[in-house]
Full PDB file with SEQRES, HELIX, SHEET, SSBOND, CRYST1, ORIGX, SCALE, CONECT and MASTER records, all heavy atoms in Angstrom:
SEQRES   1 A   35  MET ARG VAL ALA SER LEU ASN LEU CYS THR ASP GLU LEU          
SEQRES   2 A   35  LEU LEU THR LEU ALA ASP PRO ALA GLN ILE VAL SER VAL          
SEQRES   3 A   35  THR HIS LEU ALA GLN GLN PRO ALA GLU                          
HELIX    1 AA1 LEU A    8  LEU A   17  1                                  10    
HELIX    2 AA2 PRO A   20  GLN A   22  5                                   3    
HELIX    3 AA3 HIS A   28  GLN A   31  5                                   4    
SHEET    1 AA1 2 VAL A   3  ALA A   4  0                                        
SHEET    2 AA1 2 ILE A  23  SER A  25  1                                        
CRYST1    1.000    1.000    1.000  90.00  90.00  90.00 P 1           1          
ORIGX1      1.000000  0.000000  0.000000        0.00000                         
ORIGX2      0.000000  1.000000  0.000000        0.00000                         
ORIGX3      0.000000  0.000000  1.000000        0.00000                         
SCALE1      1.000000  0.000000  0.000000        0.00000                         
SCALE2      0.000000  1.000000  0.000000        0.00000                         
SCALE3      0.000000  0.000000  1.000000        0.00000                         
ATOM      1  N   MET A   1     141.311  96.898 132.769  1.00  0.00           N  
ATOM      2  CA  MET A   1     140.237  96.039 133.295  1.00  0.00           C  
ATOM      3  C   MET A   1     138.964  96.973 133.559  1.00  0.00           C  
ATOM      4  O   MET A   1     139.129  98.062 134.158  1.00  0.00           O  
ATOM      5  CB  MET A   1     140.693  95.374 134.625  1.00  0.00           C  
ATOM      6  CG  MET A   1     139.716  94.499 135.259  1.00  0.00           C  
ATOM      7  SD  MET A   1     140.363  93.704 136.731  1.00  0.00           S  
ATOM      8  CE  MET A   1     141.382  92.472 135.973  1.00  0.00           C  
ATOM      9  N   ARG A   2     137.799  96.526 133.247  1.00  0.00           N  
ATOM     10  CA  ARG A   2     136.572  97.266 133.568  1.00  0.00           C  
ATOM     11  C   ARG A   2     135.964  96.686 134.870  1.00  0.00           C  
ATOM     12  O   ARG A   2     135.782  95.543 135.013  1.00  0.00           O  
ATOM     13  CB  ARG A   2     135.587  97.011 132.393  1.00  0.00           C  
ATOM     14  CG  ARG A   2     136.130  97.691 131.077  1.00  0.00           C  
ATOM     15  CD  ARG A   2     135.310  97.248 129.816  1.00  0.00           C  
ATOM     16  NE  ARG A   2     133.846  97.065 130.104  1.00  0.00           N  
ATOM     17  CZ  ARG A   2     132.905  97.944 130.121  1.00  0.00           C  
ATOM     18  NH1 ARG A   2     133.269  99.173 129.897  1.00  0.00           N  
ATOM     19  NH2 ARG A   2     131.692  97.663 130.350  1.00  0.00           N  
ATOM     20  N   VAL A   3     135.747  97.673 135.787  1.00  0.00           N  
ATOM     21  CA  VAL A   3     135.381  97.248 137.104  1.00  0.00           C  
ATOM     22  C   VAL A   3     134.112  97.978 137.614  1.00  0.00           C  
ATOM     23  O   VAL A   3     133.946  99.065 137.476  1.00  0.00           O  
ATOM     24  CB  VAL A   3     136.502  97.529 138.170  1.00  0.00           C  
ATOM     25  CG1 VAL A   3     136.279  97.040 139.578  1.00  0.00           C  
ATOM     26  CG2 VAL A   3     137.842  97.058 137.577  1.00  0.00           C  
ATOM     27  N   ALA A   4     133.316  97.191 138.332  1.00  0.00           N  
ATOM     28  CA  ALA A   4     132.156  97.703 138.892  1.00  0.00           C  
ATOM     29  C   ALA A   4     132.151  97.370 140.478  1.00  0.00           C  
ATOM     30  O   ALA A   4     132.878  96.450 140.779  1.00  0.00           O  
ATOM     31  CB  ALA A   4     130.787  97.071 138.318  1.00  0.00           C  
ATOM     32  N   SER A   5     131.468  98.145 141.276  1.00  0.00           N  
ATOM     33  CA  SER A   5     131.329  97.952 142.642  1.00  0.00           C  
ATOM     34  C   SER A   5     129.889  97.741 143.136  1.00  0.00           C  
ATOM     35  O   SER A   5     129.064  98.448 142.675  1.00  0.00           O  
ATOM     36  CB  SER A   5     132.132  99.054 143.423  1.00  0.00           C  
ATOM     37  OG  SER A   5     131.884  98.988 144.772  1.00  0.00           O  
ATOM     38  N   LEU A   6     129.760  96.893 144.053  1.00  0.00           N  
ATOM     39  CA  LEU A   6     128.374  96.623 144.589  1.00  0.00           C  
ATOM     40  C   LEU A   6     128.199  96.998 146.072  1.00  0.00           C  
ATOM     41  O   LEU A   6     127.280  96.697 146.730  1.00  0.00           O  
ATOM     42  CB  LEU A   6     128.053  95.238 144.466  1.00  0.00           C  
ATOM     43  CG  LEU A   6     128.128  94.659 143.074  1.00  0.00           C  
ATOM     44  CD1 LEU A   6     127.616  93.186 143.090  1.00  0.00           C  
ATOM     45  CD2 LEU A   6     127.211  95.426 142.191  1.00  0.00           C  
ATOM     46  N   ASN A   7     129.208  97.906 146.698  1.00  0.00           N  
ATOM     47  CA  ASN A   7     129.123  98.196 148.116  1.00  0.00           C  
ATOM     48  C   ASN A   7     129.869  99.482 148.257  1.00  0.00           C  
ATOM     49  O   ASN A   7     130.756  99.790 147.515  1.00  0.00           O  
ATOM     50  CB  ASN A   7     129.979  96.990 148.832  1.00  0.00           C  
ATOM     51  CG  ASN A   7     130.119  97.254 150.264  1.00  0.00           C  
ATOM     52  OD1 ASN A   7     131.057  98.034 150.615  1.00  0.00           O  
ATOM     53  ND2 ASN A   7     129.310  96.628 151.147  1.00  0.00           N  
ATOM     54  N   LEU A   8     129.342 100.313 149.208  1.00  0.00           N  
ATOM     55  CA  LEU A   8     129.928 101.711 149.351  1.00  0.00           C  
ATOM     56  C   LEU A   8     131.392 101.648 149.774  1.00  0.00           C  
ATOM     57  O   LEU A   8     132.155 102.394 149.175  1.00  0.00           O  
ATOM     58  CB  LEU A   8     129.149 102.406 150.433  1.00  0.00           C  
ATOM     59  CG  LEU A   8     129.625 103.852 150.775  1.00  0.00           C  
ATOM     60  CD1 LEU A   8     129.617 104.652 149.477  1.00  0.00           C  
ATOM     61  CD2 LEU A   8     128.809 104.433 151.825  1.00  0.00           C  
ATOM     62  N   CYS A   9     131.804 100.573 150.531  1.00  0.00           N  
ATOM     63  CA  CYS A   9     133.220 100.594 150.928  1.00  0.00           C  
ATOM     64  C   CYS A   9     134.045 100.196 149.693  1.00  0.00           C  
ATOM     65  O   CYS A   9     135.082 100.747 149.514  1.00  0.00           O  
ATOM     66  CB  CYS A   9     133.408  99.541 151.986  1.00  0.00           C  
ATOM     67  SG  CYS A   9     132.747  99.906 153.587  1.00  0.00           S  
ATOM     68  N   THR A  10     133.611  99.263 148.852  1.00  0.00           N  
ATOM     69  CA  THR A  10     134.292  98.984 147.598  1.00  0.00           C  
ATOM     70  C   THR A  10     134.236 100.124 146.605  1.00  0.00           C  
ATOM     71  O   THR A  10     135.128 100.300 145.733  1.00  0.00           O  
ATOM     72  CB  THR A  10     133.947  97.594 147.099  1.00  0.00           C  
ATOM     73  OG1 THR A  10     132.530  97.612 146.876  1.00  0.00           O  
ATOM     74  CG2 THR A  10     134.348  96.501 147.998  1.00  0.00           C  
ATOM     75  N   ASP A  11     133.134 100.878 146.636  1.00  0.00           N  
ATOM     76  CA  ASP A  11     133.033 101.991 145.801  1.00  0.00           C  
ATOM     77  C   ASP A  11     134.197 102.994 146.091  1.00  0.00           C  
ATOM     78  O   ASP A  11     134.789 103.500 145.174  1.00  0.00           O  
ATOM     79  CB  ASP A  11     131.694 102.844 145.990  1.00  0.00           C  
ATOM     80  CG  ASP A  11     130.395 102.146 145.591  1.00  0.00           C  
ATOM     81  OD1 ASP A  11     130.474 101.273 144.673  1.00  0.00           O  
ATOM     82  OD2 ASP A  11     129.437 102.505 146.107  1.00  0.00           O  
ATOM     83  N   GLU A  12     134.421 103.228 147.348  1.00  0.00           N  
ATOM     84  CA  GLU A  12     135.394 104.180 147.701  1.00  0.00           C  
ATOM     85  C   GLU A  12     136.841 103.605 147.328  1.00  0.00           C  
ATOM     86  O   GLU A  12     137.737 104.386 146.995  1.00  0.00           O  
ATOM     87  CB  GLU A  12     135.366 104.446 149.230  1.00  0.00           C  
ATOM     88  CG  GLU A  12     134.104 105.344 149.508  1.00  0.00           C  
ATOM     89  CD  GLU A  12     133.957 105.599 150.969  1.00  0.00           C  
ATOM     90  OE1 GLU A  12     134.498 104.913 151.907  1.00  0.00           O  
ATOM     91  OE2 GLU A  12     133.226 106.613 151.327  1.00  0.00           O  
ATOM     92  N   LEU A  13     137.007 102.332 147.490  1.00  0.00           N  
ATOM     93  CA  LEU A  13     138.364 101.742 147.047  1.00  0.00           C  
ATOM     94  C   LEU A  13     138.514 101.948 145.598  1.00  0.00           C  
ATOM     95  O   LEU A  13     139.607 102.326 145.110  1.00  0.00           O  
ATOM     96  CB  LEU A  13     138.405 100.265 147.366  1.00  0.00           C  
ATOM     97  CG  LEU A  13     138.796  99.866 148.939  1.00  0.00           C  
ATOM     98  CD1 LEU A  13     138.479  98.378 149.088  1.00  0.00           C  
ATOM     99  CD2 LEU A  13     140.155 100.377 149.153  1.00  0.00           C  
ATOM    100  N   LEU A  14     137.473 101.655 144.833  1.00  0.00           N  
ATOM    101  CA  LEU A  14     137.489 101.663 143.393  1.00  0.00           C  
ATOM    102  C   LEU A  14     137.749 103.193 142.977  1.00  0.00           C  
ATOM    103  O   LEU A  14     138.555 103.367 142.085  1.00  0.00           O  
ATOM    104  CB  LEU A  14     136.254 101.214 142.766  1.00  0.00           C  
ATOM    105  CG  LEU A  14     136.045 101.224 141.317  1.00  0.00           C  
ATOM    106  CD1 LEU A  14     137.133 100.336 140.711  1.00  0.00           C  
ATOM    107  CD2 LEU A  14     134.687 100.617 140.870  1.00  0.00           C  
ATOM    108  N   LEU A  15     136.907 104.129 143.467  1.00  0.00           N  
ATOM    109  CA  LEU A  15     137.198 105.531 143.185  1.00  0.00           C  
ATOM    110  C   LEU A  15     138.567 105.999 143.442  1.00  0.00           C  
ATOM    111  O   LEU A  15     138.999 106.978 142.843  1.00  0.00           O  
ATOM    112  CB  LEU A  15     136.097 106.360 143.888  1.00  0.00           C  
ATOM    113  CG  LEU A  15     134.732 106.137 143.326  1.00  0.00           C  
ATOM    114  CD1 LEU A  15     133.614 106.769 144.285  1.00  0.00           C  
ATOM    115  CD2 LEU A  15     134.536 106.638 141.916  1.00  0.00           C  
ATOM    116  N   THR A  16     139.198 105.558 144.488  1.00  0.00           N  
ATOM    117  CA  THR A  16     140.451 105.949 144.885  1.00  0.00           C  
ATOM    118  C   THR A  16     141.627 105.244 144.124  1.00  0.00           C  
ATOM    119  O   THR A  16     142.559 105.971 143.781  1.00  0.00           O  
ATOM    120  CB  THR A  16     140.637 105.667 146.417  1.00  0.00           C  
ATOM    121  OG1 THR A  16     139.621 106.370 147.183  1.00  0.00           O  
ATOM    122  CG2 THR A  16     142.001 106.208 146.947  1.00  0.00           C  
ATOM    123  N   LEU A  17     141.498 103.858 143.860  1.00  0.00           N  
ATOM    124  CA  LEU A  17     142.607 103.227 143.197  1.00  0.00           C  
ATOM    125  C   LEU A  17     142.603 103.022 141.777  1.00  0.00           C  
ATOM    126  O   LEU A  17     143.622 102.881 141.123  1.00  0.00           O  
ATOM    127  CB  LEU A  17     142.634 101.828 143.906  1.00  0.00           C  
ATOM    128  CG  LEU A  17     142.864 101.804 145.465  1.00  0.00           C  
ATOM    129  CD1 LEU A  17     142.742 100.321 145.880  1.00  0.00           C  
ATOM    130  CD2 LEU A  17     144.196 102.344 145.723  1.00  0.00           C  
ATOM    131  N   ALA A  18     141.387 103.122 141.109  1.00  0.00           N  
ATOM    132  CA  ALA A  18     141.331 102.800 139.725  1.00  0.00           C  
ATOM    133  C   ALA A  18     141.634 103.995 138.838  1.00  0.00           C  
ATOM    134  O   ALA A  18     141.251 105.139 139.332  1.00  0.00           O  
ATOM    135  CB  ALA A  18     139.961 102.192 139.355  1.00  0.00           C  
ATOM    136  N   ASP A  19     141.987 103.760 137.665  1.00  0.00           N  
ATOM    137  CA  ASP A  19     141.974 104.840 136.668  1.00  0.00           C  
ATOM    138  C   ASP A  19     140.486 105.125 136.300  1.00  0.00           C  
ATOM    139  O   ASP A  19     139.685 104.153 136.132  1.00  0.00           O  
ATOM    140  CB  ASP A  19     142.783 104.213 135.475  1.00  0.00           C  
ATOM    141  CG  ASP A  19     142.891 105.390 134.360  1.00  0.00           C  
ATOM    142  OD1 ASP A  19     141.929 105.368 133.560  1.00  0.00           O  
ATOM    143  OD2 ASP A  19     143.895 105.976 134.327  1.00  0.00           O  
ATOM    144  N   PRO A  20     140.113 106.324 136.126  1.00  0.00           N  
ATOM    145  CA  PRO A  20     138.765 106.649 135.862  1.00  0.00           C  
ATOM    146  C   PRO A  20     138.151 105.901 134.682  1.00  0.00           C  
ATOM    147  O   PRO A  20     136.935 105.441 134.601  1.00  0.00           O  
ATOM    148  CB  PRO A  20     138.692 108.114 135.495  1.00  0.00           C  
ATOM    149  CG  PRO A  20     139.871 108.680 136.265  1.00  0.00           C  
ATOM    150  CD  PRO A  20     140.915 107.561 136.204  1.00  0.00           C  
ATOM    151  N   ALA A  21     138.995 105.568 133.589  1.00  0.00           N  
ATOM    152  CA  ALA A  21     138.404 104.878 132.475  1.00  0.00           C  
ATOM    153  C   ALA A  21     138.118 103.368 132.770  1.00  0.00           C  
ATOM    154  O   ALA A  21     137.370 102.653 131.957  1.00  0.00           O  
ATOM    155  CB  ALA A  21     139.618 104.894 131.397  1.00  0.00           C  
ATOM    156  N   GLN A  22     138.563 102.941 133.930  1.00  0.00           N  
ATOM    157  CA  GLN A  22     138.264 101.514 134.250  1.00  0.00           C  
ATOM    158  C   GLN A  22     136.950 101.307 135.022  1.00  0.00           C  
ATOM    159  O   GLN A  22     136.483 100.205 135.093  1.00  0.00           O  
ATOM    160  CB  GLN A  22     139.374 101.007 135.220  1.00  0.00           C  
ATOM    161  CG  GLN A  22     140.785 100.877 134.474  1.00  0.00           C  
ATOM    162  CD  GLN A  22     141.804 100.469 135.456  1.00  0.00           C  
ATOM    163  OE1 GLN A  22     142.249 101.192 136.230  1.00  0.00           O  
ATOM    164  NE2 GLN A  22     142.146  99.155 135.411  1.00  0.00           N  
ATOM    165  N   ILE A  23     136.470 102.408 135.537  1.00  0.00           N  
ATOM    166  CA  ILE A  23     135.281 102.296 136.423  1.00  0.00           C  
ATOM    167  C   ILE A  23     133.973 102.240 135.540  1.00  0.00           C  
ATOM    168  O   ILE A  23     133.662 103.160 134.769  1.00  0.00           O  
ATOM    169  CB  ILE A  23     135.177 103.507 137.360  1.00  0.00           C  
ATOM    170  CG1 ILE A  23     136.439 103.554 138.237  1.00  0.00           C  
ATOM    171  CG2 ILE A  23     133.924 103.409 138.181  1.00  0.00           C  
ATOM    172  CD1 ILE A  23     136.514 104.775 139.076  1.00  0.00           C  
ATOM    173  N   VAL A  24     133.240 101.160 135.678  1.00  0.00           N  
ATOM    174  CA  VAL A  24     132.038 100.884 134.915  1.00  0.00           C  
ATOM    175  C   VAL A  24     130.858 101.323 135.742  1.00  0.00           C  
ATOM    176  O   VAL A  24     129.842 101.959 135.152  1.00  0.00           O  
ATOM    177  CB  VAL A  24     131.820  99.363 134.598  1.00  0.00           C  
ATOM    178  CG1 VAL A  24     130.556  99.107 134.033  1.00  0.00           C  
ATOM    179  CG2 VAL A  24     133.083  98.916 133.825  1.00  0.00           C  
ATOM    180  N   SER A  25     130.763 101.109 137.018  1.00  0.00           N  
ATOM    181  CA  SER A  25     129.652 101.469 137.785  1.00  0.00           C  
ATOM    182  C   SER A  25     129.984 101.460 139.352  1.00  0.00           C  
ATOM    183  O   SER A  25     130.782 100.677 139.740  1.00  0.00           O  
ATOM    184  CB  SER A  25     128.513 100.432 137.500  1.00  0.00           C  
ATOM    185  OG  SER A  25     127.329 100.742 138.317  1.00  0.00           O  
ATOM    186  N   VAL A  26     129.282 102.295 140.047  1.00  0.00           N  
ATOM    187  CA  VAL A  26     129.416 102.379 141.503  1.00  0.00           C  
ATOM    188  C   VAL A  26     127.916 102.362 142.019  1.00  0.00           C  
ATOM    189  O   VAL A  26     126.981 102.635 141.295  1.00  0.00           O  
ATOM    190  CB  VAL A  26     130.128 103.637 142.011  1.00  0.00           C  
ATOM    191  CG1 VAL A  26     131.583 103.544 141.651  1.00  0.00           C  
ATOM    192  CG2 VAL A  26     129.517 104.897 141.536  1.00  0.00           C  
ATOM    193  N   THR A  27     127.777 102.144 143.345  1.00  0.00           N  
ATOM    194  CA  THR A  27     126.499 102.040 143.949  1.00  0.00           C  
ATOM    195  C   THR A  27     125.738 103.487 143.976  1.00  0.00           C  
ATOM    196  O   THR A  27     126.623 104.434 144.002  1.00  0.00           O  
ATOM    197  CB  THR A  27     126.380 101.414 145.258  1.00  0.00           C  
ATOM    198  OG1 THR A  27     127.092 102.216 146.206  1.00  0.00           O  
ATOM    199  CG2 THR A  27     127.007 100.002 145.330  1.00  0.00           C  
ATOM    200  N   HIS A  28     124.557 103.504 144.050  1.00  0.00           N  
ATOM    201  CA  HIS A  28     123.863 104.764 144.173  1.00  0.00           C  
ATOM    202  C   HIS A  28     124.367 105.562 145.506  1.00  0.00           C  
ATOM    203  O   HIS A  28     124.388 106.817 145.611  1.00  0.00           O  
ATOM    204  CB  HIS A  28     122.267 104.645 144.290  1.00  0.00           C  
ATOM    205  CG  HIS A  28     121.899 103.839 145.430  1.00  0.00           C  
ATOM    206  ND1 HIS A  28     121.459 104.355 146.584  1.00  0.00           N  
ATOM    207  CD2 HIS A  28     121.853 102.436 145.678  1.00  0.00           C  
ATOM    208  CE1 HIS A  28     121.102 103.345 147.502  1.00  0.00           C  
ATOM    209  NE2 HIS A  28     121.363 102.094 146.818  1.00  0.00           N  
ATOM    210  N   LEU A  29     124.897 104.827 146.498  1.00  0.00           N  
ATOM    211  CA  LEU A  29     125.372 105.464 147.776  1.00  0.00           C  
ATOM    212  C   LEU A  29     126.616 106.231 147.482  1.00  0.00           C  
ATOM    213  O   LEU A  29     126.854 107.257 148.054  1.00  0.00           O  
ATOM    214  CB  LEU A  29     125.622 104.383 148.789  1.00  0.00           C  
ATOM    215  CG  LEU A  29     124.459 103.586 149.263  1.00  0.00           C  
ATOM    216  CD1 LEU A  29     124.843 102.393 150.158  1.00  0.00           C  
ATOM    217  CD2 LEU A  29     123.469 104.528 149.996  1.00  0.00           C  
ATOM    218  N   ALA A  30     127.370 105.891 146.577  1.00  0.00           N  
ATOM    219  CA  ALA A  30     128.620 106.616 146.211  1.00  0.00           C  
ATOM    220  C   ALA A  30     128.421 107.918 145.547  1.00  0.00           C  
ATOM    221  O   ALA A  30     129.215 108.732 145.308  1.00  0.00           O  
ATOM    222  CB  ALA A  30     129.565 105.696 145.327  1.00  0.00           C  
ATOM    223  N   GLN A  31     127.107 108.155 145.195  1.00  0.00           N  
ATOM    224  CA  GLN A  31     126.760 109.436 144.543  1.00  0.00           C  
ATOM    225  C   GLN A  31     126.050 110.379 145.494  1.00  0.00           C  
ATOM    226  O   GLN A  31     125.400 111.535 145.059  1.00  0.00           O  
ATOM    227  CB  GLN A  31     125.957 109.114 143.314  1.00  0.00           C  
ATOM    228  CG  GLN A  31     126.568 108.138 142.282  1.00  0.00           C  
ATOM    229  CD  GLN A  31     125.882 107.803 141.229  1.00  0.00           C  
ATOM    230  OE1 GLN A  31     124.610 107.959 141.154  1.00  0.00           O  
ATOM    231  NE2 GLN A  31     126.573 107.337 140.108  1.00  0.00           N  
ATOM    232  N   GLN A  32     125.931 109.979 146.716  1.00  0.00           N  
ATOM    233  CA  GLN A  32     125.267 110.837 147.763  1.00  0.00           C  
ATOM    234  C   GLN A  32     126.176 111.558 148.782  1.00  0.00           C  
ATOM    235  O   GLN A  32     126.955 110.914 149.418  1.00  0.00           O  
ATOM    236  CB  GLN A  32     124.279 109.892 148.532  1.00  0.00           C  
ATOM    237  CG  GLN A  32     123.208 109.370 147.580  1.00  0.00           C  
ATOM    238  CD  GLN A  32     122.276 108.357 148.347  1.00  0.00           C  
ATOM    239  OE1 GLN A  32     122.129 108.434 149.545  1.00  0.00           O  
ATOM    240  NE2 GLN A  32     121.544 107.519 147.590  1.00  0.00           N  
ATOM    241  N   PRO A  33     126.092 112.857 148.903  1.00  0.00           N  
ATOM    242  CA  PRO A  33     126.941 113.588 149.801  1.00  0.00           C  
ATOM    243  C   PRO A  33     126.838 113.176 151.154  1.00  0.00           C  
ATOM    244  O   PRO A  33     127.934 113.251 151.846  1.00  0.00           O  
ATOM    245  CB  PRO A  33     126.427 115.028 149.670  1.00  0.00           C  
ATOM    246  CG  PRO A  33     125.656 115.129 148.285  1.00  0.00           C  
ATOM    247  CD  PRO A  33     125.094 113.757 148.114  1.00  0.00           C  
ATOM    248  N   ALA A  34     125.787 112.636 151.653  1.00  0.00           N  
ATOM    249  CA  ALA A  34     125.676 112.222 153.023  1.00  0.00           C  
ATOM    250  C   ALA A  34     126.370 110.911 153.275  1.00  0.00           C  
ATOM    251  O   ALA A  34     126.546 110.623 154.455  1.00  0.00           O  
ATOM    252  CB  ALA A  34     124.210 112.090 153.467  1.00  0.00           C  
ATOM    253  N   GLU A  35     126.765 110.238 152.200  1.00  0.00           N  
ATOM    254  CA  GLU A  35     127.338 108.962 152.390  1.00  0.00           C  
ATOM    255  C   GLU A  35     128.905 108.850 152.267  1.00  0.00           C  
ATOM    256  O   GLU A  35     129.570 107.964 152.879  1.00  0.00           O  
ATOM    257  CB  GLU A  35     126.743 107.940 151.372  1.00  0.00           C  
ATOM    258  CG  GLU A  35     125.258 107.610 151.521  1.00  0.00           C  
ATOM    259  CD  GLU A  35     124.844 106.976 152.814  1.00  0.00           C  
ATOM    260  OE1 GLU A  35     125.775 106.264 153.454  1.00  0.00           O  
ATOM    261  OE2 GLU A  35     123.704 107.180 153.292  1.00  0.00           O  
TER     262      GLU A  35                                                      
MASTER        0    0    0    3    2    0    0    6  261    1    0    3          
END                                                                             
């Protein structure tokens, strides 16, 4: 399944639970060290 996330909390769930090949997109917040 190809999955995208629209919220930092769901970004973290996706990054933790999904196989990397399934991740289509995360929010810009998931790419910031302060977040």
